Protein backbone atom coordinates (compact mmCIF):
# COMPACT_ATOMS: atom_id res chain seq x y z
CA MET A 1 -2.86 -15.82 -21.42
CA MET A 2 -2.37 -14.84 -24.67
CA GLY A 3 0.04 -16.55 -26.69
CA ASN A 4 0.66 -14.05 -29.35
CA GLY A 5 2.16 -15.32 -32.44
CA ASP A 6 5.29 -13.64 -31.49
CA LEU A 7 5.42 -12.89 -28.05
CA GLU A 8 3.01 -13.40 -25.46
CA SER A 9 4.77 -16.15 -26.04
CA ARG A 10 5.44 -19.71 -25.80
CA ARG A 11 8.04 -20.30 -28.25
CA GLY A 12 6.22 -21.37 -31.15
CA GLU A 13 5.28 -18.01 -30.31
CA THR A 14 2.56 -17.92 -27.89
CA THR A 15 2.42 -15.98 -24.70
CA LYS A 16 0.40 -16.49 -21.70
CA SER A 17 -1.01 -13.16 -22.28
CA ARG A 18 -2.55 -14.34 -19.31
CA THR A 19 -4.49 -11.28 -19.36
CA GLN A 20 -5.78 -9.48 -22.10
CA ASN A 21 -8.76 -11.49 -21.24
CA SER A 22 -8.14 -10.88 -17.61
CA SER A 23 -8.63 -7.20 -18.08
CA ASN A 24 -12.29 -8.04 -18.56
CA ILE A 25 -12.43 -10.33 -15.56
CA ILE A 26 -13.86 -7.88 -13.12
CA SER A 27 -14.55 -4.80 -15.13
CA SER A 28 -18.29 -5.26 -14.64
CA TYR A 29 -18.13 -6.84 -11.23
CA GLN A 30 -19.64 -4.93 -8.33
CA PRO A 31 -18.93 -5.95 -4.72
CA TYR A 32 -21.92 -7.58 -3.11
CA TYR A 33 -23.12 -6.50 0.29
CA VAL A 34 -21.92 -8.36 3.39
CA GLU A 35 -24.51 -8.64 6.12
CA ILE A 36 -21.98 -8.31 8.93
CA SER A 37 -19.75 -5.37 9.64
CA GLU A 38 -16.04 -5.95 9.93
CA SER A 39 -12.93 -3.85 9.78
CA GLN A 40 -10.96 -3.75 6.57
CA TRP A 41 -7.26 -4.24 6.00
CA THR A 42 -5.19 -1.60 4.31
CA SER A 43 -4.26 -2.79 0.83
CA TRP A 44 -0.51 -2.51 0.28
CA LEU A 45 0.51 -5.84 -1.21
CA VAL A 46 -1.43 -5.37 -4.45
CA PRO A 47 0.11 -1.92 -5.11
CA ILE A 48 3.55 -3.38 -4.40
CA ILE A 49 2.94 -6.22 -6.88
CA VAL A 50 1.89 -3.66 -9.49
CA VAL A 51 5.01 -1.56 -8.89
CA ALA A 52 7.22 -4.68 -8.95
CA ASN A 53 5.77 -5.79 -12.29
CA VAL A 54 6.23 -2.36 -13.84
CA ALA A 55 9.80 -2.17 -12.53
CA MET A 56 10.50 -5.67 -13.87
CA PHE A 57 9.21 -4.68 -17.30
CA VAL A 58 11.57 -1.69 -17.36
CA VAL A 59 14.45 -4.04 -16.51
CA ILE A 60 13.35 -6.41 -19.28
CA MET A 61 13.37 -3.63 -21.84
CA PHE A 62 16.73 -2.35 -20.60
CA ILE A 63 18.26 -5.79 -21.07
CA ASN A 64 16.46 -6.28 -24.38
CA ASN A 65 18.16 -3.17 -25.84
CA CYS A 66 16.47 -3.26 -29.23
CA PRO A 67 18.77 -0.70 -30.94
CA ARG A 68 21.80 -2.86 -30.22
CA ASN A 69 20.35 -6.35 -30.66
CA ASN A 70 18.02 -5.79 -33.61
CA TYR A 71 20.84 -6.47 -36.04
CA TYR A 72 20.49 -4.76 -39.41
CA GLY A 73 16.79 -4.20 -38.80
CA ILE A 74 15.95 -7.56 -40.36
CA ARG A 75 12.46 -7.59 -38.86
CA GLY A 76 11.92 -3.87 -39.12
CA GLN A 77 12.87 -0.84 -37.11
CA CYS A 78 12.64 -0.56 -33.32
CA VAL A 79 9.51 1.19 -32.13
CA ALA A 80 9.73 4.43 -30.12
CA LYS A 81 13.41 4.91 -30.79
CA PHE A 82 13.46 8.04 -28.62
CA LEU A 83 13.38 5.68 -25.62
CA GLY A 84 16.87 4.52 -26.48
CA ARG A 85 17.66 1.03 -25.22
CA LEU A 86 14.13 0.87 -23.76
CA SER A 87 12.58 1.04 -27.23
CA PHE A 88 10.35 -1.84 -28.36
CA GLN A 89 10.92 -4.63 -30.83
CA PRO A 90 9.49 -4.18 -34.37
CA LEU A 91 5.72 -4.63 -34.37
CA ASN A 92 5.83 -7.54 -36.80
CA GLU A 93 7.92 -9.35 -34.19
CA ASN A 94 6.03 -8.22 -31.10
CA PRO A 95 2.77 -6.30 -31.64
CA LEU A 96 2.36 -5.79 -27.89
CA PHE A 97 5.12 -3.17 -27.67
CA GLY A 98 7.65 -5.23 -25.78
CA PRO A 99 10.88 -7.26 -25.92
CA SER A 100 11.96 -10.22 -28.02
CA SER A 101 11.17 -13.84 -27.23
CA ASN A 102 14.87 -14.48 -26.67
CA THR A 103 15.03 -11.85 -23.94
CA LEU A 104 11.99 -13.28 -22.17
CA GLU A 105 13.38 -16.79 -22.40
CA LYS A 106 16.70 -15.66 -20.97
CA LEU A 107 15.01 -13.92 -18.04
CA GLY A 108 12.82 -16.83 -16.98
CA ALA A 109 9.90 -17.37 -19.34
CA LEU A 110 8.11 -20.70 -18.95
CA GLU A 111 9.51 -23.30 -21.34
CA TRP A 112 8.53 -26.94 -20.92
CA SER A 113 11.81 -28.50 -22.03
CA LYS A 114 13.87 -26.40 -19.63
CA VAL A 115 11.55 -27.16 -16.70
CA ALA A 116 11.07 -30.88 -17.39
CA HIS A 117 14.50 -31.88 -18.67
CA GLN A 118 16.86 -29.26 -17.28
CA ARG A 119 15.04 -29.08 -13.93
CA GLN A 120 14.64 -25.30 -14.08
CA ALA A 121 11.57 -25.38 -11.84
CA TRP A 122 12.09 -21.73 -10.93
CA ARG A 123 10.60 -20.84 -14.30
CA LEU A 124 7.18 -21.85 -12.94
CA ILE A 125 7.43 -18.75 -10.72
CA THR A 126 9.54 -16.30 -12.70
CA CYS A 127 7.25 -16.42 -15.73
CA ILE A 128 4.49 -14.88 -13.59
CA TRP A 129 6.53 -11.68 -13.22
CA LEU A 130 7.39 -11.26 -16.89
CA HIS A 131 5.22 -9.55 -19.49
CA ALA A 132 5.41 -9.61 -23.25
CA GLY A 133 4.61 -5.95 -23.81
CA VAL A 134 3.08 -2.72 -22.56
CA ILE A 135 -0.41 -3.83 -23.60
CA HIS A 136 0.01 -7.16 -21.81
CA LEU A 137 1.33 -5.43 -18.68
CA LEU A 138 -1.43 -2.80 -18.51
CA ALA A 139 -4.17 -5.38 -19.00
CA ASN A 140 -2.80 -7.58 -16.22
CA MET A 141 -2.17 -4.78 -13.74
CA LEU A 142 -5.59 -3.18 -14.24
CA SER A 143 -7.19 -6.56 -13.63
CA LEU A 144 -5.08 -7.03 -10.51
CA VAL A 145 -6.17 -3.68 -9.11
CA PHE A 146 -9.86 -4.40 -9.76
CA ILE A 147 -9.75 -7.89 -8.24
CA GLY A 148 -6.92 -7.85 -5.73
CA ILE A 149 -7.54 -4.67 -3.74
CA ARG A 150 -11.03 -5.73 -2.68
CA LEU A 151 -9.84 -9.17 -1.61
CA GLU A 152 -6.84 -7.78 0.28
CA GLN A 153 -9.02 -5.26 2.11
CA GLN A 154 -11.28 -8.06 3.32
CA PHE A 155 -8.80 -10.88 3.97
CA GLY A 156 -5.35 -9.34 4.37
CA PHE A 157 -2.12 -9.58 2.43
CA VAL A 158 -1.00 -13.02 3.63
CA ARG A 159 -3.96 -14.95 2.29
CA VAL A 160 -4.33 -12.94 -0.90
CA GLY A 161 -0.59 -13.13 -1.57
CA ALA A 162 -0.64 -16.90 -1.07
CA ILE A 163 -3.56 -17.31 -3.47
CA TYR A 164 -1.89 -15.10 -6.07
CA LEU A 165 1.42 -16.95 -6.01
CA ILE A 166 0.11 -20.52 -5.70
CA SER A 167 -2.51 -19.95 -8.40
CA GLY A 168 0.15 -18.58 -10.71
CA ILE A 169 2.23 -21.71 -10.17
CA GLY A 170 -0.82 -23.90 -10.72
CA GLY A 171 -1.46 -22.15 -14.03
CA SER A 172 2.18 -22.62 -15.03
CA ILE A 173 2.07 -26.35 -14.27
CA LEU A 174 -1.05 -27.02 -16.32
CA SER A 175 0.22 -24.83 -19.13
CA SER A 176 3.52 -26.76 -19.26
CA LEU A 177 1.71 -30.09 -19.41
CA PHE A 178 -0.39 -29.18 -22.43
CA ILE A 179 1.55 -26.54 -24.38
CA GLN A 180 5.11 -27.67 -24.86
CA ARG A 181 6.41 -26.08 -28.06
CA SER A 182 6.53 -22.42 -27.09
CA ILE A 183 7.43 -20.12 -24.21
CA SER A 184 4.95 -18.35 -21.97
CA VAL A 185 4.89 -15.31 -19.70
CA GLY A 186 2.27 -13.37 -17.78
CA ALA A 187 0.26 -13.17 -14.58
CA SER A 188 -3.10 -14.30 -15.95
CA GLY A 189 -2.99 -17.62 -14.09
CA ALA A 190 -2.53 -15.75 -10.80
CA LEU A 191 -5.31 -13.32 -11.69
CA PHE A 192 -7.70 -16.10 -12.62
CA GLY A 193 -6.78 -17.64 -9.26
CA LEU A 194 -8.04 -14.52 -7.50
CA LEU A 195 -11.23 -14.71 -9.54
CA GLY A 196 -11.68 -18.36 -8.59
CA ALA A 197 -11.10 -17.49 -4.95
CA MET A 198 -13.83 -14.85 -5.15
CA LEU A 199 -16.26 -17.49 -6.36
CA SER A 200 -15.40 -20.07 -3.68
CA GLU A 201 -15.40 -17.33 -1.03
CA LEU A 202 -18.97 -16.49 -1.97
CA LEU A 203 -19.99 -20.15 -1.78
CA THR A 204 -18.32 -20.96 1.55
CA ASN A 205 -19.53 -17.72 3.19
CA TRP A 206 -22.96 -18.00 1.64
CA THR A 207 -24.92 -17.14 4.80
CA ILE A 208 -23.40 -13.69 5.31
CA TYR A 209 -24.23 -12.24 1.90
CA SER A 210 -27.34 -10.55 0.64
CA ASN A 211 -28.10 -10.65 -3.09
CA LYS A 212 -26.44 -14.06 -3.10
CA PHE A 213 -27.78 -15.34 -6.41
CA ALA A 214 -27.15 -12.08 -8.25
CA ALA A 215 -23.53 -12.13 -7.06
CA LEU A 216 -23.14 -15.81 -7.96
CA PHE A 217 -24.64 -15.27 -11.41
CA THR A 218 -22.34 -12.30 -12.04
CA LEU A 219 -19.19 -14.21 -11.08
CA VAL A 220 -20.16 -17.30 -13.09
CA VAL A 221 -20.91 -15.24 -16.20
CA ILE A 222 -17.66 -13.25 -15.92
CA THR A 223 -15.69 -16.48 -15.47
CA ALA A 224 -17.42 -18.19 -18.38
CA ILE A 225 -16.84 -15.25 -20.73
CA ASN A 226 -13.16 -14.97 -19.91
CA LEU A 227 -12.55 -18.71 -20.18
CA ALA A 228 -14.45 -18.71 -23.48
CA LEU A 229 -12.14 -15.99 -24.81
CA GLY A 230 -9.31 -18.37 -24.01
CA ILE A 231 -10.22 -20.65 -26.93
CA LEU A 232 -8.95 -18.01 -29.36
CA PRO A 233 -5.63 -18.79 -31.05
CA HIS A 234 -2.41 -17.72 -29.31
CA VAL A 235 -4.18 -17.59 -25.94
CA ASP A 236 -2.87 -19.99 -23.29
CA ASN A 237 -6.17 -20.97 -21.74
CA PHE A 238 -4.55 -23.82 -19.79
CA ALA A 239 -2.83 -21.25 -17.59
CA HIS A 240 -6.21 -19.60 -17.07
CA ILE A 241 -7.85 -22.89 -16.13
CA GLY A 242 -4.99 -24.06 -13.89
CA GLY A 243 -4.89 -20.73 -12.08
CA PHE A 244 -8.66 -20.57 -11.70
CA MET A 245 -8.95 -24.08 -10.27
CA SER A 246 -6.06 -23.49 -7.87
CA GLY A 247 -7.59 -20.25 -6.64
CA PHE A 248 -11.05 -21.80 -6.41
CA LEU A 249 -9.78 -24.54 -4.09
CA LEU A 250 -7.61 -22.14 -2.09
CA GLY A 251 -10.61 -19.89 -1.52
CA PHE A 252 -12.33 -22.66 0.44
CA VAL A 253 -9.18 -23.23 2.50
CA LEU A 254 -8.16 -19.63 3.21
CA LEU A 255 -11.19 -17.35 2.85
CA PHE A 256 -13.90 -18.88 5.04
CA ARG A 257 -15.50 -16.58 7.63
CA PRO A 258 -17.80 -16.98 10.65
CA GLN A 259 -21.35 -17.79 9.63
CA PHE A 260 -24.17 -15.30 9.89
CA GLY A 261 -25.40 -14.72 13.42
CA TYR A 262 -22.22 -15.83 15.19
CA LEU A 263 -21.02 -12.34 16.09
CA GLU A 264 -24.42 -11.37 17.46
CA SER A 265 -24.76 -14.58 19.43
CA ARG A 266 -21.66 -13.72 21.47
CA HIS A 267 -23.59 -10.90 23.11
CA LEU A 268 -26.51 -13.04 24.27
CA PRO A 269 -27.16 -13.44 28.03
CA PRO A 270 -25.17 -16.13 29.89
CA GLY A 271 -26.70 -19.55 29.43
CA ALA A 272 -28.17 -18.73 26.03
CA ARG A 273 -27.32 -21.08 23.22
CA LEU A 274 -24.43 -19.72 21.19
CA LYS A 275 -24.28 -20.17 17.46
CA SER A 276 -21.25 -22.12 16.27
CA LYS A 277 -18.57 -19.99 14.66
CA TYR A 278 -18.33 -22.07 11.49
CA ALA A 279 -20.87 -24.28 9.77
CA VAL A 280 -20.19 -27.98 9.27
CA TYR A 281 -20.21 -27.57 5.50
CA GLN A 282 -17.37 -25.05 5.79
CA TYR A 283 -15.16 -27.59 7.54
CA VAL A 284 -16.06 -30.20 4.91
CA LEU A 285 -15.23 -27.82 2.06
CA VAL A 286 -11.86 -26.97 3.63
CA LEU A 287 -10.94 -30.65 3.94
CA VAL A 288 -12.11 -31.65 0.46
CA ALA A 289 -10.50 -28.62 -1.20
CA LEU A 290 -7.19 -29.21 0.59
CA ILE A 291 -7.12 -32.85 -0.52
CA PHE A 292 -7.85 -31.93 -4.16
CA LEU A 293 -5.25 -29.17 -4.06
CA ILE A 294 -2.48 -31.39 -2.71
CA VAL A 295 -3.32 -34.27 -5.04
CA GLY A 296 -3.61 -31.99 -8.06
CA PHE A 297 -0.27 -30.26 -7.51
CA THR A 298 1.47 -33.55 -6.73
CA VAL A 299 0.19 -35.32 -9.83
CA GLY A 300 0.88 -32.28 -12.01
CA LEU A 301 4.46 -31.87 -10.80
CA VAL A 302 5.22 -35.60 -11.10
CA MET A 303 3.92 -35.65 -14.69
CA LEU A 304 5.82 -32.48 -15.54
CA PHE A 305 9.19 -33.66 -14.26
CA LYS A 306 8.70 -37.05 -15.91
CA GLY A 307 8.42 -35.17 -19.19
CA GLU A 308 4.88 -36.30 -19.96
CA ASN A 309 2.54 -34.55 -22.37
CA GLY A 310 -0.93 -33.97 -20.98
CA ASN A 311 -2.44 -34.28 -24.44
CA ASP A 312 -1.42 -37.96 -24.49
CA HIS A 313 -3.82 -38.55 -21.59
CA CYS A 314 -6.64 -36.36 -22.90
CA SER A 315 -7.27 -36.40 -26.65
CA TRP A 316 -9.79 -33.54 -26.59
CA CYS A 317 -8.20 -31.21 -24.02
CA HIS A 318 -6.38 -29.16 -26.68
CA TYR A 319 -9.78 -27.70 -27.59
CA LEU A 320 -9.85 -26.01 -24.19
CA SER A 321 -7.12 -23.64 -25.36
CA CYS A 322 -7.90 -23.26 -29.06
CA VAL A 323 -10.83 -24.25 -31.24
CA PRO A 324 -9.97 -24.23 -34.98
CA THR A 325 -12.38 -22.47 -37.34
CA SER A 326 -12.44 -21.46 -40.99
CA ARG A 327 -10.84 -18.15 -39.94
CA TRP A 328 -7.85 -19.48 -37.99
CA SER A 329 -5.75 -22.55 -37.33
CA CYS A 330 -4.51 -23.91 -34.01
CA ASN A 331 -1.46 -25.71 -35.36
CA ASN A 332 0.99 -23.17 -33.92
């Protein structure tokens, strides 16, 4: 989530560039070996999401119509004028090669005041499908391909689609609670949700993986690096964190698989002791994760629609999204 001083945007000008970081999420991740053989699903949902996001960006630029709406060229000339009404806003307004903040706001960008006071809850979902520029879009979609296709092949479109959407909403809720003076767009919360689900899937299906600790170490390091990048200015790390935690909990609920040895035990002679399909700890994790998920979303939504500011309840939480240094300020 990048909140770019102009457009990835929350209106003070920040954008959930929920992904320039996300593009690094899985770039070095290699699938770990599963000790049981199982058929794979055909991945079609992830490609459809990619196509839908690209199509939506074209619509955004068509509505933005820089040549017509960039009156008198006050902020500079439109970029790539040969594209006509699809040309981009001046780079000093949006360095990501995209539309204006006003266009994004009009089309459903996340804005706290409109969600909390005007009850436009639909913005918690629509912001996930908007992108602040070509760079933002490419980073998010590449990350989605790297992460999402593998998960969809192993678990199917229903579960992966649910994790993607719910995690995106979870990121939007947490972002709204802590960043309330700017608009935000992007799919980084949903993408971090898929990353969180990969981590919980490894933990709950621990017995069926070889190279367990190498895989765990890789995922933890990738997660830590990307969350650490979120403390840079103009990056909406709260959407990252909210999406990651939502996906992490959903992974326990939706992605658990039969424990190692269960499939083989079904072929033992009659009377032999069969191995239970799921381990006790898997049932416990499902129950605990479901409780935390329901409580978390309920509390978050209640606080949001009551118009509360999360920073009033956590004096240090703002450092999770931006840490001021001698080189930059977090005031905006």
